[in-house]
Amino acid sequence: MAKNLKIIILLLFPFLTQANDFELSPNVQKAYSDVFNFRINACRAALAKEKKDNPFRLYLENYIEFVEIFNNDEETYFKRIADNEDERLDLIEDLDENSPYNRFLRAEIKLQWALLKIRFGHEVKAAYNIIQAAKLLEENQKLFPNFLPNYKSLGSLHIVIGSVPDNFRWALKILGLKGNVNQGLTELDKATKDKIWGAEAAYCSLYIQSFVLKFDEKDNSSLLRFIENQPENPNASFIAVAISLRTNRAEQAQKILKKYPVGSEYLYCPIMEIYRGDIALMKGQFQAANASYNAYLRNFKGKAFLKDAYLKLFFSNYLAGDDKKSLTFLTKIPAVGSSISETDKATEKFYENYAKTRVLPNKALLQARLALDGGYSTQALDAIQDVDVKQISPKEQAEYYFLGGKAFYRTGQPDKAITYFEKSITLSEKQNWHFGASSSLQIGYILQAKGQKQQAKNYFEKAISYKNHEFKNTIDSKARAAMTEMGYYL
């Protein structure tokens, strides 16, 4: 009788058994903090105390695998655990639908797997994951508009969707994906107020902005505050170094690296060796650069950025004056790694151009480019002015004027910068070099800062019009985001 009564109660009032499905206990919160801080072993130890079907354990185990695979580029590991995705999603889906965590955790898992699928070249499957995640997040927002963690991933998606160029907008409509940059920024800002997922929301906001938008001093101040609040979080330091280098702040990146938390309790990140090498290369410290790039090659077992590491070893030895040794690194590029990342694609294109022409880059232009990458604008200008533009090829001339434009702009000479950028655009017409697109983007930024919206829009559209260059995805996204920021395409 008692047994029958229990069955009746479960059938009539299932929510009584589901009320605690999504209990965010202190131990679960600690486990989340551990994985976000790259304390993987500590996270696993905390999760071992939870039931195997605990939805937060399922989510955080997925998070651990995502971090490990992405960090080490382990495709074998990725394939071995592929079934975990659907198994975890099914278990969570069967739990309390009246909890905002049901759809949120499933969306997070789908997005983590989407990033892994992109990493290993499965773009179509990744797109399907993103569509499903977006629908879950949008539905969750309607049902639970005050649930702040939801806005972390929803805002990130809306920024990415809003920066997709016009020639791909039709695909978004077919897939049912909507959003714009300003909407995404607002949502991410809202998510930063959450006590648990707020730091990750700030992390996502800073990282995406550095890729899609023009990262200004205000944004950089936010980045520095972010890491100051988390001095023992190597994940925060990692993102700060990556953004600093991406936004031409090598000195800042070096200062952050000196305080980078190390120890057996933290996940080792091989990419930091690349970053150390990049800083040294930009500063002309070639021996230190060689040591860091070789450390990456020794310690990294995946395929990502191997081409990039060998190219930079070529640069370092070439600029140090050892042309013969430098060529041993250059000629290894086609046989190593993968070409999935934009960086490795650009490296592959560099090698293909060398293989066709057997012409090595102009050393002064290469020094100028590396100096600009590090934010050393005065040194770059000095290197550029040493070049006799009449003695170099048309492609090198296009690069000369592009680099000169950047150097003049960064040293407070915007009008002279525009003149140089225009010359680079003229030289790049009907070519698949990135200099024309890059110069158009830079002029767009200058005009945007002057408040000349229509003229800026014209140059952003021109930047997008260039085809088949190695930085098309990045330049198109930045141009589209800038136009959205000005009020177009909302």
Protein backbone atom coordinates (compact mmCIF):
# COMPACT_ATOMS: atom_id res chain seq x y z
CA MET A 1 0.00 0.00 0.00
CA ALA A 2 2.77 2.42 0.99
CA LYS A 3 4.63 1.56 -2.20
CA ASN A 4 1.55 2.26 -4.35
CA LEU A 5 0.96 5.55 -2.53
CA LYS A 6 4.54 6.61 -3.25
CA ILE A 7 4.08 5.89 -6.98
CA ILE A 8 0.84 7.90 -7.07
CA ILE A 9 2.53 10.87 -5.38
CA LEU A 10 5.44 10.75 -7.83
CA LEU A 11 3.04 10.66 -10.79
CA LEU A 12 0.83 13.48 -9.53
CA PHE A 13 3.54 15.71 -8.08
CA PRO A 14 6.78 15.11 -10.00
CA PHE A 15 8.06 18.57 -9.08
CA LEU A 16 8.49 17.36 -5.49
CA THR A 17 11.31 15.09 -6.64
CA GLN A 18 12.72 17.68 -9.02
CA ALA A 19 12.83 20.65 -6.69
CA ASN A 20 16.45 19.98 -5.77
CA ASP A 21 17.61 18.87 -9.25
CA PHE A 22 19.60 22.09 -9.66
CA GLU A 23 20.97 22.78 -6.21
CA LEU A 24 23.93 25.13 -6.56
CA SER A 25 25.72 24.01 -3.40
CA PRO A 26 28.90 25.65 -2.00
CA ASN A 27 30.88 22.62 -3.20
CA VAL A 28 29.53 23.02 -6.74
CA GLN A 29 30.36 26.72 -6.66
CA LYS A 30 33.91 25.86 -5.56
CA ALA A 31 34.23 23.35 -8.40
CA TYR A 32 33.11 25.97 -10.91
CA SER A 33 35.63 28.46 -9.52
CA ASP A 34 38.35 25.81 -9.75
CA VAL A 35 37.79 25.01 -13.42
CA PHE A 36 37.53 28.71 -14.34
CA ASN A 37 40.83 29.25 -12.52
CA PHE A 38 42.48 26.30 -14.33
CA ARG A 39 42.70 24.25 -11.11
CA ILE A 40 41.57 21.11 -12.89
CA ASN A 41 42.59 18.53 -10.27
CA ALA A 42 40.88 20.51 -7.51
CA CYS A 43 37.72 20.70 -9.61
CA ARG A 44 37.71 16.95 -10.17
CA ALA A 45 38.18 16.34 -6.43
CA ALA A 46 35.23 18.60 -5.61
CA LEU A 47 33.00 16.95 -8.23
CA ALA A 48 33.80 13.49 -6.86
CA LYS A 49 31.78 14.45 -3.79
CA GLU A 50 28.65 14.99 -5.92
CA LYS A 51 26.29 12.37 -7.33
CA LYS A 52 27.18 11.24 -10.83
CA ASP A 53 23.85 12.47 -12.21
CA ASN A 54 24.11 15.90 -10.56
CA PRO A 55 23.52 18.31 -13.48
CA PHE A 56 26.23 20.70 -12.30
CA ARG A 57 28.68 17.80 -12.11
CA LEU A 58 27.76 16.85 -15.68
CA TYR A 59 28.21 20.45 -16.83
CA LEU A 60 31.52 20.94 -15.01
CA GLU A 61 32.93 17.61 -16.19
CA ASN A 62 32.15 18.82 -19.69
CA TYR A 63 33.84 22.13 -18.88
CA ILE A 64 36.99 20.29 -17.73
CA GLU A 65 37.14 18.26 -20.94
CA PHE A 66 36.57 21.40 -23.01
CA VAL A 67 39.43 23.24 -21.29
CA GLU A 68 41.84 20.29 -21.52
CA ILE A 69 41.11 19.51 -25.17
CA PHE A 70 41.19 23.14 -26.28
CA ASN A 71 44.37 23.86 -24.35
CA ASN A 72 46.27 20.82 -25.62
CA ASP A 73 44.59 20.49 -29.04
CA GLU A 74 44.01 16.78 -28.39
CA GLU A 75 41.91 15.47 -31.27
CA THR A 76 42.21 11.85 -30.06
CA TYR A 77 40.80 12.87 -26.68
CA PHE A 78 38.05 14.79 -28.50
CA LYS A 79 37.03 11.73 -30.52
CA ARG A 80 37.24 9.39 -27.54
CA ILE A 81 34.71 11.34 -25.47
CA ALA A 82 32.42 12.41 -28.33
CA ASP A 83 29.47 10.42 -26.91
CA ASN A 84 29.60 12.39 -23.66
CA GLU A 85 27.90 15.36 -25.30
CA ASP A 86 24.54 13.70 -25.98
CA GLU A 87 24.63 11.60 -22.83
CA ARG A 88 25.00 14.66 -20.61
CA LEU A 89 22.45 16.68 -22.55
CA ASP A 90 19.86 13.90 -22.26
CA LEU A 91 20.38 13.53 -18.51
CA ILE A 92 19.99 17.26 -17.87
CA GLU A 93 17.01 17.62 -20.21
CA ASP A 94 15.07 15.04 -18.16
CA LEU A 95 15.37 17.17 -15.03
CA ASP A 96 13.20 20.03 -13.77
CA GLU A 97 12.08 22.14 -16.75
CA ASN A 98 10.92 24.86 -14.38
CA SER A 99 14.51 25.67 -13.44
CA PRO A 100 16.42 28.25 -15.52
CA TYR A 101 19.50 26.04 -15.18
CA ASN A 102 17.95 23.28 -17.33
CA ARG A 103 18.24 25.15 -20.63
CA PHE A 104 21.24 27.22 -19.54
CA LEU A 105 23.48 24.24 -18.74
CA ARG A 106 22.45 22.46 -21.94
CA ALA A 107 23.24 25.57 -23.97
CA GLU A 108 26.64 25.89 -22.28
CA ILE A 109 27.50 22.28 -23.11
CA LYS A 110 26.40 22.75 -26.72
CA LEU A 111 28.54 25.88 -27.08
CA GLN A 112 31.59 24.22 -25.57
CA TRP A 113 31.26 21.38 -28.04
CA ALA A 114 30.70 23.88 -30.87
CA LEU A 115 34.06 25.50 -30.13
CA LEU A 116 35.78 22.11 -30.05
CA LYS A 117 34.18 21.10 -33.35
CA ILE A 118 35.38 24.33 -34.94
CA ARG A 119 38.86 23.67 -33.54
CA PHE A 120 39.02 20.34 -35.38
CA GLY A 121 37.41 21.46 -38.63
CA HIS A 122 33.81 20.31 -38.12
CA GLU A 123 32.19 23.67 -38.92
CA VAL A 124 28.79 22.35 -40.07
CA LYS A 125 28.28 20.30 -36.90
CA ALA A 126 29.44 23.28 -34.86
CA ALA A 127 26.88 25.53 -36.57
CA TYR A 128 24.13 23.08 -35.63
CA ASN A 129 25.28 23.23 -32.00
CA ILE A 130 25.21 27.03 -32.06
CA ILE A 131 21.68 27.11 -33.50
CA GLN A 132 20.43 24.75 -30.80
CA ALA A 133 22.21 26.70 -28.05
CA ALA A 134 20.80 30.01 -29.30
CA LYS A 135 17.26 28.64 -29.25
CA LEU A 136 17.68 27.30 -25.71
CA LEU A 137 19.07 30.62 -24.49
CA GLU A 138 16.36 32.68 -26.19
CA GLU A 139 13.63 30.46 -24.75
CA ASN A 140 15.26 30.68 -21.33
CA GLN A 141 15.35 34.48 -21.54
CA LYS A 142 11.63 34.62 -22.24
CA LEU A 143 10.82 32.27 -19.37
CA PHE A 144 13.34 33.70 -16.88
CA PRO A 145 14.22 37.28 -17.90
CA ASN A 146 15.94 37.99 -14.57
CA PHE A 147 18.28 34.99 -14.77
CA LEU A 148 21.61 36.78 -15.27
CA PRO A 149 23.93 33.87 -16.29
CA ASN A 150 21.84 33.38 -19.43
CA TYR A 151 22.95 36.78 -20.76
CA LYS A 152 26.62 35.70 -20.72
CA SER A 153 26.31 33.27 -23.61
CA LEU A 154 23.38 35.02 -25.27
CA GLY A 155 25.30 38.30 -25.34
CA SER A 156 28.40 36.60 -26.74
CA LEU A 157 26.34 35.03 -29.53
CA HIS A 158 24.62 38.32 -30.36
CA ILE A 159 27.97 40.12 -30.78
CA VAL A 160 29.32 37.39 -33.06
CA ILE A 161 26.07 37.24 -35.05
CA GLY A 162 25.97 41.04 -35.32
CA SER A 163 29.49 41.17 -36.76
CA VAL A 164 28.82 38.69 -39.58
CA PRO A 165 29.34 40.49 -42.94
CA ASP A 166 26.49 41.19 -45.35
CA ASN A 167 27.43 38.43 -47.78
CA PHE A 168 26.68 35.85 -45.05
CA ARG A 169 23.58 37.49 -43.55
CA TRP A 170 21.32 35.30 -45.69
CA ALA A 171 22.66 32.22 -43.91
CA LEU A 172 21.79 33.69 -40.52
CA LYS A 173 18.23 34.33 -41.67
CA ILE A 174 17.86 30.74 -42.87
CA LEU A 175 19.26 29.47 -39.58
CA GLY A 176 17.00 31.79 -37.58
CA LEU A 177 19.87 33.56 -35.81
CA LYS A 178 19.37 37.22 -34.89
CA GLY A 179 21.32 39.77 -32.87
CA ASN A 180 23.57 42.80 -33.04
CA VAL A 181 26.72 44.07 -31.38
CA ASN A 182 25.16 46.74 -29.16
CA GLN A 183 22.54 44.28 -27.92
CA GLY A 184 25.25 41.75 -27.10
CA LEU A 185 27.38 44.26 -25.20
CA THR A 186 24.38 45.29 -23.10
CA GLU A 187 23.57 41.67 -22.31
CA LEU A 188 27.13 40.84 -21.34
CA ASP A 189 27.28 43.87 -19.08
CA LYS A 190 24.11 42.66 -17.38
CA ALA A 191 25.64 39.19 -16.91
CA THR A 192 28.73 40.62 -15.19
CA LYS A 193 26.49 41.47 -12.22
CA ASP A 194 25.96 37.77 -11.46
CA LYS A 195 27.84 36.63 -8.35
CA ILE A 196 28.95 33.30 -9.83
CA TRP A 197 29.13 33.64 -13.63
CA GLY A 198 29.91 37.39 -13.61
CA ALA A 199 33.68 36.98 -13.97
CA GLU A 200 33.24 34.62 -16.92
CA ALA A 201 30.85 37.13 -18.52
CA ALA A 202 33.49 39.86 -18.21
CA TYR A 203 36.07 37.42 -19.64
CA CYS A 204 33.86 36.73 -22.67
CA SER A 205 33.09 40.41 -23.18
CA LEU A 206 36.74 41.48 -23.16
CA TYR A 207 37.88 38.64 -25.41
CA ILE A 208 35.14 39.05 -28.01
CA GLN A 209 35.53 42.83 -28.07
CA SER A 210 39.26 42.48 -28.77
CA PHE A 211 38.46 40.32 -31.80
CA VAL A 212 35.43 42.15 -33.17
CA LEU A 213 35.59 45.78 -32.02
CA LYS A 214 38.21 48.49 -31.77
CA PHE A 215 39.72 47.91 -28.33
CA ASP A 216 40.29 51.40 -26.87
CA GLU A 217 41.92 52.68 -23.67
CA LYS A 218 38.66 52.43 -21.75
CA ASP A 219 38.39 48.76 -22.69
CA ASN A 220 42.03 48.23 -21.75
CA SER A 221 41.43 49.78 -18.33
CA SER A 222 38.60 47.28 -17.85
CA LEU A 223 41.00 44.48 -18.79
CA LEU A 224 43.57 45.60 -16.22
CA ARG A 225 40.92 45.85 -13.49
CA PHE A 226 39.74 42.37 -14.42
CA ILE A 227 43.12 40.76 -13.77
CA GLU A 228 43.84 42.90 -10.70
CA ASN A 229 40.73 41.41 -9.10
CA GLN A 230 41.98 37.86 -9.85
CA PRO A 231 45.75 37.84 -9.26
CA GLU A 232 45.85 34.06 -8.72
CA ASN A 233 43.79 33.13 -11.78
CA PRO A 234 46.04 32.00 -14.68
CA ASN A 235 42.99 31.95 -16.96
CA ALA A 236 42.48 35.68 -16.37
CA SER A 237 46.20 36.33 -16.95
CA PHE A 238 46.13 34.19 -20.11
CA ILE A 239 43.29 36.21 -21.63
CA ALA A 240 44.93 39.48 -20.58
CA VAL A 241 48.21 38.54 -22.29
CA ALA A 242 46.37 37.37 -25.43
CA ILE A 243 44.35 40.59 -25.65
CA SER A 244 47.37 42.78 -24.88
CA LEU A 245 49.30 41.23 -27.76
CA ARG A 246 46.32 41.34 -30.08
CA THR A 247 45.89 45.06 -29.36
CA ASN A 248 49.59 45.94 -29.78
CA ARG A 249 50.56 46.27 -26.12
CA ALA A 250 53.65 44.06 -25.79
CA GLU A 251 55.04 45.92 -22.76
CA GLN A 252 51.77 45.41 -20.92
CA ALA A 253 51.71 41.74 -21.92
CA GLN A 254 55.23 41.26 -20.55
CA LYS A 255 54.31 42.82 -17.19
CA ILE A 256 51.29 40.52 -16.90
CA LEU A 257 53.38 37.47 -17.82
CA LYS A 258 55.84 38.20 -15.02
CA LYS A 259 52.99 37.78 -12.52
CA TYR A 260 51.45 34.75 -14.27
CA PRO A 261 50.50 32.18 -11.58
CA VAL A 262 52.45 28.93 -11.89
CA GLY A 263 52.46 25.72 -9.89
CA SER A 264 51.47 22.06 -10.00
CA GLU A 265 47.89 22.93 -9.02
CA TYR A 266 47.36 24.82 -12.29
CA LEU A 267 46.87 23.60 -15.86
CA TYR A 268 49.99 24.13 -17.97
CA CYS A 269 49.19 26.25 -21.05
CA PRO A 270 51.68 25.72 -23.92
CA ILE A 271 50.34 28.78 -25.79
CA MET A 272 52.03 30.98 -23.18
CA GLU A 273 55.37 29.92 -24.70
CA ILE A 274 54.21 31.38 -28.03
CA TYR A 275 53.24 34.61 -26.29
CA ARG A 276 56.64 34.86 -24.57
CA GLY A 277 58.31 34.32 -27.92
CA ASP A 278 56.13 36.95 -29.60
CA ILE A 279 57.05 39.58 -27.01
CA ALA A 280 60.76 38.84 -27.39
CA LEU A 281 60.50 38.88 -31.20
CA MET A 282 58.71 42.24 -31.20
CA LYS A 283 61.44 43.66 -28.96
CA GLY A 284 64.23 42.27 -31.16
CA GLN A 285 65.39 39.80 -28.50
CA PHE A 286 65.95 36.95 -30.93
CA GLN A 287 67.72 34.44 -28.68
CA ALA A 288 64.93 34.64 -26.10
CA ALA A 289 62.33 34.34 -28.87
CA ASN A 290 63.99 31.18 -30.20
CA ALA A 291 64.00 29.61 -26.73
CA SER A 292 60.28 30.24 -26.23
CA TYR A 293 59.18 28.99 -29.66
CA ASN A 294 61.28 25.85 -29.25
CA ALA A 295 59.71 25.29 -25.82
CA TYR A 296 56.30 25.37 -27.49
CA LEU A 297 57.39 22.82 -30.08
CA ARG A 298 58.78 20.53 -27.34
CA ASN A 299 55.82 20.70 -24.98
CA PHE A 300 52.84 20.93 -27.32
CA LYS A 301 51.46 17.66 -28.71
CA GLY A 302 48.70 19.07 -30.91
CA LYS A 303 48.68 20.67 -34.36
CA ALA A 304 47.51 24.23 -33.74
CA PHE A 305 50.01 27.07 -34.23
CA LEU A 306 52.87 24.77 -35.23
CA LYS A 307 53.12 26.54 -38.59
CA ASP A 308 53.05 29.86 -36.76
CA ALA A 309 55.87 28.79 -34.42
CA TYR A 310 58.10 27.72 -37.32
CA LEU A 311 57.40 30.95 -39.21
CA LYS A 312 58.42 33.00 -36.18
CA LEU A 313 61.57 30.93 -35.76
CA PHE A 314 62.29 31.84 -39.38
CA PHE A 315 61.67 35.53 -38.61
CA SER A 316 63.86 35.47 -35.52
CA ASN A 317 66.86 33.82 -37.17
CA TYR A 318 66.41 35.78 -40.41
CA LEU A 319 66.45 39.13 -38.60
CA ALA A 320 69.38 37.96 -36.47
CA GLY A 321 71.35 37.56 -39.72
CA ASP A 322 71.41 33.77 -40.04
CA ASP A 323 69.67 33.36 -43.40
CA LYS A 324 70.76 29.74 -43.86
CA LYS A 325 69.43 28.56 -40.50
CA SER A 326 66.25 30.57 -40.91
CA LEU A 327 65.38 28.70 -44.12
CA THR A 328 65.44 25.36 -42.30
CA PHE A 329 62.46 26.59 -40.27
CA LEU A 330 60.65 28.16 -43.21
CA THR A 331 60.79 25.00 -45.31
CA LYS A 332 59.20 22.90 -42.52
CA ILE A 333 55.96 24.89 -42.58
CA PRO A 334 53.99 22.86 -45.17
CA ALA A 335 54.70 19.54 -43.41
CA VAL A 336 53.66 20.47 -39.88
CA GLY A 337 50.44 21.20 -38.01
CA SER A 338 47.07 22.22 -39.40
CA SER A 339 45.63 25.21 -41.26
CA ILE A 340 42.41 25.68 -39.31
CA SER A 341 43.29 28.86 -37.39
CA GLU A 342 43.51 32.17 -39.23
CA THR A 343 47.09 32.53 -37.99
CA ASP A 344 48.16 29.19 -39.47
CA LYS A 345 46.30 29.96 -42.71
CA ALA A 346 48.23 33.22 -43.03
CA THR A 347 51.48 31.34 -42.39
CA GLU A 348 50.63 28.80 -45.07
CA LYS A 349 49.94 31.60 -47.52
CA PHE A 350 53.27 33.23 -46.63
CA TYR A 351 55.10 29.98 -47.40
CA GLU A 352 53.20 29.44 -50.66
CA ASN A 353 54.23 32.90 -51.82
CA TYR A 354 57.86 32.12 -50.95
CA ALA A 355 57.68 28.74 -52.73
CA LYS A 356 56.49 30.46 -55.92
CA THR A 357 58.88 33.41 -55.92
CA ARG A 358 61.84 32.29 -53.74
CA VAL A 359 61.91 35.90 -52.53
CA LEU A 360 62.48 36.52 -48.83
CA PRO A 361 60.76 39.44 -47.07
CA ASN A 362 62.32 42.88 -46.86
CA LYS A 363 64.02 42.98 -43.45
CA ALA A 364 63.23 46.62 -42.72
CA LEU A 365 59.53 46.09 -43.48
CA LEU A 366 59.49 42.93 -41.36
CA GLN A 367 61.08 44.80 -38.45
CA ALA A 368 58.53 47.59 -38.86
CA ARG A 369 55.65 45.13 -38.88
CA LEU A 370 56.85 43.36 -35.73
CA ALA A 371 57.48 46.67 -33.96
CA LEU A 372 53.94 47.83 -34.80
CA ASP A 373 52.54 44.51 -33.57
CA GLY A 374 54.16 45.24 -30.22
CA GLY A 375 53.08 48.87 -30.07
CA TYR A 376 56.56 50.28 -30.72
CA SER A 377 55.37 52.88 -33.23
CA THR A 378 58.41 55.18 -33.18
CA GLN A 379 60.79 52.28 -33.88
CA ALA A 380 58.48 51.12 -36.67
CA LEU A 381 58.51 54.57 -38.24
CA ASP A 382 62.32 54.62 -38.12
CA ALA A 383 62.48 51.22 -39.86
CA ILE A 384 59.98 52.28 -42.55
CA GLN A 385 61.86 55.48 -43.34
CA ASP A 386 64.99 53.41 -44.03
CA VAL A 387 63.24 51.71 -46.97
CA ASP A 388 63.76 52.98 -50.53
CA VAL A 389 60.23 52.47 -51.84
CA LYS A 390 61.42 52.66 -55.46
CA GLN A 391 63.60 49.57 -54.99
CA ILE A 392 60.93 47.17 -53.73
CA SER A 393 58.18 45.13 -55.43
CA PRO A 394 54.56 46.35 -55.82
CA LYS A 395 53.41 44.02 -53.03
CA GLU A 396 56.14 45.31 -50.73
CA GLN A 397 55.13 48.86 -51.67
CA ALA A 398 51.55 48.09 -50.63
CA GLU A 399 52.87 46.78 -47.32
CA TYR A 400 55.19 49.79 -46.96
CA TYR A 401 52.32 52.26 -47.24
CA PHE A 402 50.04 50.19 -45.00
CA LEU A 403 52.66 49.94 -42.25
CA GLY A 404 53.56 53.60 -42.70
CA GLY A 405 49.89 54.55 -42.35
CA LYS A 406 49.62 52.63 -39.07
CA ALA A 407 52.84 54.16 -37.75
CA PHE A 408 51.80 57.71 -38.62
CA TYR A 409 48.36 57.24 -37.10
CA ARG A 410 49.76 55.87 -33.87
CA THR A 411 52.22 58.76 -33.61
CA GLY A 412 49.41 61.31 -33.87
CA GLN A 413 49.47 62.05 -37.62
CA PRO A 414 46.05 60.86 -38.89
CA ASP A 415 45.98 62.92 -42.10
CA LYS A 416 49.37 61.60 -43.22
CA ALA A 417 48.20 58.13 -42.22
CA ILE A 418 45.19 58.39 -44.54
CA THR A 419 47.46 59.43 -47.43
CA TYR A 420 49.60 56.33 -46.90
CA PHE A 421 46.61 54.02 -46.49
CA GLU A 422 45.11 55.35 -49.76
CA LYS A 423 48.33 54.52 -51.61
CA SER A 424 48.23 50.99 -50.19
CA ILE A 425 44.63 50.63 -51.36
CA THR A 426 45.55 51.75 -54.88
CA LEU A 427 48.44 49.28 -55.07
CA SER A 428 46.24 46.43 -53.76
CA GLU A 429 43.42 46.81 -56.28
CA LYS A 430 42.65 43.51 -58.06
CA GLN A 431 45.10 41.65 -55.80
CA ASN A 432 44.37 39.14 -53.05
CA TRP A 433 46.69 40.90 -50.60
CA HIS A 434 45.22 41.95 -47.28
CA PHE A 435 46.80 45.42 -47.32
CA GLY A 436 43.93 47.05 -49.23
CA ALA A 437 41.30 45.61 -46.91
CA SER A 438 43.37 46.42 -43.82
CA SER A 439 44.01 49.99 -45.00
CA SER A 440 40.32 50.51 -45.74
CA LEU A 441 39.45 49.31 -42.25
CA GLN A 442 41.96 51.71 -40.68
CA ILE A 443 40.67 54.71 -42.65
CA GLY A 444 37.17 53.74 -41.57
CA TYR A 445 38.28 53.84 -37.93
CA ILE A 446 39.92 57.27 -38.38
CA LEU A 447 36.80 58.73 -40.01
CA GLN A 448 34.57 57.10 -37.38
CA ALA A 449 36.61 58.82 -34.66
CA LYS A 450 36.14 62.13 -36.49
CA GLY A 451 32.37 61.62 -36.54
CA GLN A 452 32.22 61.27 -40.34
CA LYS A 453 29.83 58.32 -40.26
CA GLN A 454 28.88 58.03 -43.93
CA GLN A 455 32.47 58.29 -45.14
CA ALA A 456 33.54 55.77 -42.50
CA LYS A 457 30.77 53.41 -43.62
CA ASN A 458 32.01 53.64 -47.21
CA TYR A 459 35.49 52.51 -46.17
CA PHE A 460 34.20 49.73 -43.93
CA GLU A 461 32.15 48.43 -46.88
CA LYS A 462 35.25 48.69 -49.08
CA ALA A 463 37.20 46.63 -46.53
CA ILE A 464 34.56 43.91 -46.75
CA SER A 465 34.59 43.99 -50.57
CA TYR A 466 38.10 42.49 -50.81
CA LYS A 467 38.06 38.74 -51.51
CA ASN A 468 40.29 35.77 -50.74
CA HIS A 469 42.86 37.37 -48.45
CA GLU A 470 44.14 35.60 -45.34
CA PHE A 471 42.53 37.94 -42.79
CA LYS A 472 39.09 38.21 -44.39
CA ASN A 473 37.12 36.79 -41.46
CA THR A 474 38.68 39.15 -38.92
CA ILE A 475 38.57 42.28 -41.08
CA ASP A 476 35.01 41.64 -42.25
CA SER A 477 33.84 41.07 -38.67
CA LYS A 478 35.51 44.25 -37.42
CA ALA A 479 34.10 46.33 -40.27
CA ARG A 480 30.60 44.98 -39.76
CA ALA A 481 30.81 45.55 -35.99
CA ALA A 482 31.97 49.14 -36.50
CA MET A 483 29.03 49.87 -38.80
CA THR A 484 26.62 48.34 -36.31
CA GLU A 485 28.20 50.44 -33.57
CA MET A 486 27.49 53.57 -35.65
CA GLY A 487 23.83 52.62 -35.96
CA TYR A 488 23.76 50.75 -39.26
CA TYR A 489 22.26 47.24 -39.63
CA LEU A 490 20.62 47.14 -36.21
